[in-house]
Amino acid sequence: MKLILDKNVLDQAPEQLLRQAGYAYLMDRNSGQESYVRRLGRGFYPRFHLYLAEQGNQVILNLHLDQKQASYEGAHAHNAEYDGETVEAEMARIKSYTQNIFKF
């Protein structure tokens, strides 16, 4: 699920917004890709996984829910939800940290 914010009306850096919402920075050691995660329990999974991108004057948050790690060695795919009630509720929670104009 994606959320697009106008970065000109943000009163803080997107990374700070995510930290306030309980997200931690994550660097994938294999791909070097940066993202943010929020665990739902004590283990690594399930967790919300969010990619942050900036494009012109827009900040794009791309969120999904990782249910579990890849099932077998060498696999990169995992069981994830990209929409649905849980993901929508989390995106609404993230939106609550902004007092800005947003669009889908």
N, C-alpha and C. Protein backbone atom coordinates (compact mmCIF):
# COMPACT_ATOMS: atom_id res chain seq x y z
N MET A 1 0.85 -1.16 0.00
CA MET A 1 0.00 0.00 0.00
C MET A 1 0.90 1.23 0.00
N LYS A 2 0.55 2.19 -0.83
CA LYS A 2 1.35 3.39 -0.94
C LYS A 2 0.63 4.61 -0.38
N LEU A 3 1.42 5.49 0.20
CA LEU A 3 0.95 6.79 0.66
C LEU A 3 1.91 7.82 0.08
N ILE A 4 1.37 8.84 -0.56
CA ILE A 4 2.19 9.90 -1.14
C ILE A 4 1.94 11.18 -0.36
N LEU A 5 3.02 11.76 0.14
CA LEU A 5 2.95 13.00 0.92
C LEU A 5 3.68 14.11 0.17
N ASP A 6 3.21 15.32 0.29
CA ASP A 6 3.89 16.48 -0.27
C ASP A 6 4.96 16.90 0.73
N LYS A 7 6.23 16.76 0.35
CA LYS A 7 7.29 17.03 1.33
C LYS A 7 7.43 18.52 1.65
N ASN A 8 6.84 19.38 0.84
CA ASN A 8 6.89 20.82 1.13
C ASN A 8 6.04 21.20 2.34
N VAL A 9 5.08 20.37 2.70
CA VAL A 9 4.23 20.69 3.85
C VAL A 9 4.59 19.85 5.08
N LEU A 10 5.54 18.95 4.95
CA LEU A 10 5.99 18.18 6.11
C LEU A 10 6.75 19.10 7.06
N ASP A 11 6.50 18.98 8.33
CA ASP A 11 7.20 19.82 9.31
C ASP A 11 8.44 19.14 9.87
N GLN A 12 8.77 17.95 9.34
CA GLN A 12 9.96 17.21 9.76
C GLN A 12 10.40 16.28 8.64
N ALA A 13 11.60 15.75 8.76
CA ALA A 13 12.10 14.81 7.78
C ALA A 13 11.27 13.53 7.82
N PRO A 14 11.05 12.88 6.68
CA PRO A 14 10.27 11.64 6.67
C PRO A 14 10.84 10.57 7.60
N GLU A 15 12.16 10.49 7.70
CA GLU A 15 12.80 9.52 8.57
C GLU A 15 12.43 9.76 10.04
N GLN A 16 12.34 11.02 10.43
CA GLN A 16 11.95 11.37 11.80
C GLN A 16 10.50 10.97 12.05
N LEU A 17 9.64 11.21 11.09
CA LEU A 17 8.23 10.81 11.18
C LEU A 17 8.12 9.31 11.42
N LEU A 18 8.91 8.53 10.67
CA LEU A 18 8.87 7.08 10.81
C LEU A 18 9.40 6.64 12.17
N ARG A 19 10.43 7.29 12.67
CA ARG A 19 10.94 6.96 14.01
C ARG A 19 9.87 7.22 15.07
N GLN A 20 9.16 8.34 14.94
CA GLN A 20 8.10 8.65 15.89
C GLN A 20 6.99 7.60 15.84
N ALA A 21 6.77 7.03 14.66
CA ALA A 21 5.73 6.02 14.48
C ALA A 21 6.21 4.63 14.90
N GLY A 22 7.45 4.53 15.41
CA GLY A 22 7.94 3.25 15.93
C GLY A 22 8.73 2.41 14.94
N TYR A 23 9.15 3.00 13.83
CA TYR A 23 9.90 2.26 12.81
C TYR A 23 11.39 2.41 13.04
N ALA A 24 12.12 1.33 12.74
CA ALA A 24 13.57 1.30 12.83
C ALA A 24 14.16 1.16 11.44
N TYR A 25 15.30 1.78 11.24
CA TYR A 25 16.02 1.72 9.97
C TYR A 25 16.57 0.31 9.76
N LEU A 26 16.51 -0.17 8.52
CA LEU A 26 17.03 -1.49 8.17
C LEU A 26 17.78 -1.41 6.85
N MET A 27 19.02 -1.89 6.84
CA MET A 27 19.80 -1.97 5.61
C MET A 27 19.95 -3.44 5.26
N ASP A 28 19.46 -3.84 4.09
CA ASP A 28 19.59 -5.22 3.63
C ASP A 28 21.05 -5.47 3.26
N ARG A 29 21.69 -6.37 3.97
CA ARG A 29 23.11 -6.64 3.75
C ARG A 29 23.40 -7.21 2.37
N ASN A 30 22.44 -7.93 1.81
CA ASN A 30 22.67 -8.54 0.50
C ASN A 30 22.47 -7.56 -0.65
N SER A 31 21.39 -6.79 -0.60
CA SER A 31 21.07 -5.90 -1.72
C SER A 31 21.52 -4.46 -1.49
N GLY A 32 21.76 -4.08 -0.23
CA GLY A 32 22.11 -2.71 0.08
C GLY A 32 20.91 -1.78 0.10
N GLN A 33 19.71 -2.34 -0.03
CA GLN A 33 18.49 -1.53 -0.06
C GLN A 33 18.11 -1.09 1.35
N GLU A 34 17.73 0.19 1.47
CA GLU A 34 17.33 0.75 2.76
C GLU A 34 15.82 0.66 2.92
N SER A 35 15.37 0.40 4.15
CA SER A 35 13.95 0.35 4.44
C SER A 35 13.76 0.57 5.94
N TYR A 36 12.51 0.46 6.38
CA TYR A 36 12.15 0.65 7.78
C TYR A 36 11.22 -0.47 8.20
N VAL A 37 11.34 -0.91 9.45
CA VAL A 37 10.50 -1.99 9.95
C VAL A 37 9.94 -1.64 11.32
N ARG A 38 8.77 -2.20 11.60
CA ARG A 38 8.17 -2.13 12.94
C ARG A 38 7.68 -3.52 13.28
N ARG A 39 8.30 -4.11 14.29
CA ARG A 39 7.96 -5.47 14.72
C ARG A 39 6.63 -5.47 15.46
N LEU A 40 5.91 -6.57 15.32
CA LEU A 40 4.63 -6.72 16.00
C LEU A 40 4.73 -7.58 17.25
N GLY A 41 5.90 -8.11 17.50
CA GLY A 41 6.12 -8.95 18.68
C GLY A 41 7.59 -8.95 19.03
N ARG A 42 8.00 -9.95 19.77
CA ARG A 42 9.40 -10.04 20.21
C ARG A 42 10.33 -10.54 19.13
N GLY A 43 9.82 -11.34 18.19
CA GLY A 43 10.67 -11.88 17.14
C GLY A 43 10.77 -10.93 15.96
N PHE A 44 11.47 -11.37 14.94
CA PHE A 44 11.62 -10.55 13.74
C PHE A 44 10.36 -10.51 12.89
N TYR A 45 9.52 -11.54 13.01
CA TYR A 45 8.28 -11.62 12.22
C TYR A 45 7.13 -11.94 13.16
N PRO A 46 5.94 -11.49 12.87
CA PRO A 46 5.56 -10.62 11.76
C PRO A 46 6.04 -9.19 12.01
N ARG A 47 6.15 -8.43 10.92
CA ARG A 47 6.60 -7.05 11.02
C ARG A 47 6.06 -6.24 9.85
N PHE A 48 5.84 -4.95 10.10
CA PHE A 48 5.53 -4.04 9.01
C PHE A 48 6.85 -3.64 8.38
N HIS A 49 6.87 -3.59 7.07
CA HIS A 49 8.08 -3.29 6.31
C HIS A 49 7.75 -2.16 5.35
N LEU A 50 8.50 -1.09 5.42
CA LEU A 50 8.18 0.12 4.67
C LEU A 50 9.39 0.60 3.89
N TYR A 51 9.16 0.92 2.62
CA TYR A 51 10.18 1.53 1.78
C TYR A 51 9.85 3.00 1.61
N LEU A 52 10.86 3.85 1.74
CA LEU A 52 10.72 5.29 1.64
C LEU A 52 11.42 5.76 0.38
N ALA A 53 10.74 6.57 -0.42
CA ALA A 53 11.35 7.13 -1.63
C ALA A 53 10.96 8.59 -1.75
N GLU A 54 11.82 9.37 -2.34
CA GLU A 54 11.52 10.77 -2.62
C GLU A 54 11.58 10.96 -4.12
N GLN A 55 10.57 11.63 -4.65
CA GLN A 55 10.47 11.86 -6.08
C GLN A 55 9.99 13.29 -6.28
N GLY A 56 10.90 14.17 -6.67
CA GLY A 56 10.54 15.57 -6.81
C GLY A 56 10.11 16.13 -5.46
N ASN A 57 8.91 16.66 -5.38
CA ASN A 57 8.38 17.23 -4.14
C ASN A 57 7.51 16.25 -3.39
N GLN A 58 7.63 14.97 -3.69
CA GLN A 58 6.80 13.96 -3.05
C GLN A 58 7.64 12.98 -2.24
N VAL A 59 7.06 12.54 -1.14
CA VAL A 59 7.62 11.46 -0.34
C VAL A 59 6.66 10.29 -0.50
N ILE A 60 7.19 9.14 -0.89
CA ILE A 60 6.36 7.96 -1.14
C ILE A 60 6.68 6.90 -0.09
N LEU A 61 5.65 6.51 0.65
CA LEU A 61 5.77 5.43 1.63
C LEU A 61 5.10 4.20 1.05
N ASN A 62 5.85 3.10 0.95
CA ASN A 62 5.34 1.87 0.37
C ASN A 62 5.40 0.80 1.47
N LEU A 63 4.23 0.41 1.97
CA LEU A 63 4.12 -0.44 3.16
C LEU A 63 3.55 -1.82 2.84
N HIS A 64 4.10 -2.84 3.49
CA HIS A 64 3.50 -4.17 3.47
C HIS A 64 3.77 -4.86 4.80
N LEU A 65 3.10 -5.97 5.03
CA LEU A 65 3.24 -6.74 6.26
C LEU A 65 3.95 -8.05 5.93
N ASP A 66 5.15 -8.23 6.47
CA ASP A 66 5.89 -9.49 6.33
C ASP A 66 5.37 -10.45 7.40
N GLN A 67 4.79 -11.56 6.97
CA GLN A 67 4.26 -12.54 7.93
C GLN A 67 5.34 -13.47 8.46
N LYS A 68 6.28 -13.83 7.58
CA LYS A 68 7.34 -14.75 8.00
C LYS A 68 8.51 -14.64 7.04
N GLN A 69 9.61 -15.19 7.47
CA GLN A 69 10.82 -15.23 6.65
C GLN A 69 10.65 -16.25 5.53
N ALA A 70 11.49 -16.16 4.51
CA ALA A 70 11.46 -17.14 3.43
C ALA A 70 11.54 -18.55 4.00
N SER A 71 10.79 -19.47 3.41
CA SER A 71 10.64 -20.81 3.97
C SER A 71 11.82 -21.74 3.72
N TYR A 72 12.61 -21.47 2.70
CA TYR A 72 13.70 -22.37 2.39
C TYR A 72 14.95 -21.60 2.01
N GLU A 73 16.10 -22.23 2.18
CA GLU A 73 17.39 -21.60 1.94
C GLU A 73 17.51 -21.11 0.50
N GLY A 74 18.02 -19.92 0.33
CA GLY A 74 18.22 -19.35 -0.99
C GLY A 74 17.01 -18.61 -1.52
N ALA A 75 15.88 -18.69 -0.83
CA ALA A 75 14.65 -18.01 -1.27
C ALA A 75 14.67 -16.56 -0.82
N HIS A 76 14.18 -15.69 -1.69
CA HIS A 76 14.09 -14.29 -1.34
C HIS A 76 12.64 -13.89 -1.10
N ALA A 77 11.71 -14.65 -1.65
CA ALA A 77 10.29 -14.35 -1.48
C ALA A 77 9.84 -14.77 -0.08
N HIS A 78 8.83 -14.06 0.42
CA HIS A 78 8.29 -14.39 1.73
C HIS A 78 6.78 -14.15 1.71
N ASN A 79 6.12 -14.59 2.75
CA ASN A 79 4.68 -14.42 2.85
C ASN A 79 4.40 -13.00 3.31
N ALA A 80 3.82 -12.17 2.43
CA ALA A 80 3.58 -10.76 2.76
C ALA A 80 2.18 -10.35 2.31
N GLU A 81 1.64 -9.37 3.03
CA GLU A 81 0.35 -8.77 2.68
C GLU A 81 0.61 -7.34 2.26
N TYR A 82 0.10 -6.98 1.09
CA TYR A 82 0.33 -5.64 0.55
C TYR A 82 -0.90 -4.74 0.68
N ASP A 83 -2.02 -5.30 1.11
CA ASP A 83 -3.23 -4.54 1.37
C ASP A 83 -4.06 -5.31 2.38
N GLY A 84 -5.27 -4.88 2.61
CA GLY A 84 -6.12 -5.53 3.59
C GLY A 84 -6.25 -4.68 4.85
N GLU A 85 -7.10 -5.13 5.75
CA GLU A 85 -7.43 -4.36 6.95
C GLU A 85 -6.22 -4.03 7.82
N THR A 86 -5.34 -4.99 8.02
CA THR A 86 -4.19 -4.77 8.90
C THR A 86 -3.25 -3.72 8.33
N VAL A 87 -2.96 -3.83 7.04
CA VAL A 87 -2.06 -2.87 6.38
C VAL A 87 -2.73 -1.49 6.31
N GLU A 88 -4.02 -1.46 6.02
CA GLU A 88 -4.74 -0.19 5.98
C GLU A 88 -4.75 0.50 7.34
N ALA A 89 -4.95 -0.28 8.40
CA ALA A 89 -4.95 0.29 9.75
C ALA A 89 -3.58 0.85 10.11
N GLU A 90 -2.53 0.16 9.72
CA GLU A 90 -1.18 0.66 10.01
C GLU A 90 -0.89 1.93 9.22
N MET A 91 -1.33 1.99 7.97
CA MET A 91 -1.11 3.20 7.18
C MET A 91 -1.88 4.37 7.80
N ALA A 92 -3.08 4.12 8.30
CA ALA A 92 -3.85 5.16 8.98
C ALA A 92 -3.12 5.62 10.24
N ARG A 93 -2.49 4.69 10.95
CA ARG A 93 -1.73 5.04 12.14
C ARG A 93 -0.54 5.93 11.78
N ILE A 94 0.15 5.59 10.70
CA ILE A 94 1.27 6.42 10.25
C ILE A 94 0.77 7.81 9.86
N LYS A 95 -0.36 7.87 9.14
CA LYS A 95 -0.94 9.16 8.75
C LYS A 95 -1.24 10.03 9.96
N SER A 96 -1.60 9.41 11.07
CA SER A 96 -1.95 10.16 12.26
C SER A 96 -0.76 10.95 12.80
N TYR A 97 0.46 10.60 12.39
CA TYR A 97 1.65 11.32 12.81
C TYR A 97 1.90 12.56 11.95
N THR A 98 1.07 12.77 10.97
CA THR A 98 1.21 13.95 10.12
C THR A 98 0.01 14.86 10.33
N GLN A 99 0.23 16.09 10.10
CA GLN A 99 -0.87 17.05 10.08
C GLN A 99 -0.83 17.72 8.72
N ASN A 100 -0.56 16.91 7.72
CA ASN A 100 -0.28 17.41 6.39
C ASN A 100 -1.32 16.92 5.39
N ILE A 101 -1.27 17.51 4.24
CA ILE A 101 -2.13 17.10 3.13
C ILE A 101 -1.50 15.86 2.50
N PHE A 102 -2.29 14.83 2.23
CA PHE A 102 -1.78 13.63 1.59
C PHE A 102 -2.77 13.16 0.55
N LYS A 103 -2.28 12.32 -0.36
CA LYS A 103 -3.14 11.74 -1.39
C LYS A 103 -2.67 10.33 -1.67
N PHE A 104 -3.54 9.52 -2.25
CA PHE A 104 -3.18 8.15 -2.62
C PHE A 104 -2.77 8.10 -4.05
